[in-house]
Amino acid sequence: MFQASETIGDVLENGVRIQKTTLLLAGLLAVVVIGTYLVWGAAMGTAQPAEEKPRSPQPSGEVQDVYVRALSSGTYDKEEVSVKKGIPVRFHFTADSGAGCGSYLSIPEFDVKLLSKNGQEDVAEFTPMKEGTYEYSCAMRMFIGRMVVE
């Protein structure tokens, strides 16, 4: 407990000092952990692929290549793309690691369902036969884009 020369106030004061020190160290540790997580997460979310691919439709022979990427900011890098009807489309999809639900993309009218795991590319091929504007989005509809068929 405490020695005869110590008073109860000294023991309580030491106890409070230990508690303040422990609380201070725990708070400092929390700040370091959260700061490291934020810095590391920001660095991982902004990493660019080593090889940038073209981002607009690129006719390659008889196929239109379209590239769309879901960004960790909550949008697609291309909120609207245009393609020509009757020509096959190869839709390339990737997502940043911090894109959350944006790592999934669907175009219901063409039965397209794409999933980008760990930033890997997923590709769907289809041929739009009717002009119009078709929406692509994540399953939660937080990321929304349009594909215009001309």
Foldseek 3Di string as FASTA:
>chain_A
DDDPVDDPVVVVVVVVVVVVVVVVVVVVVVCVVVVVCVVVVVVQQPDDDPDDDDAAFDDDPQETEHEWEQHLVQEIPAQEYEDEAPGKYKYKYWYRPNRVLQQWKDFVVFGDIGGHDNGDIDIDMDGHHDFDKTWMAGPVRSYIHIYGYD
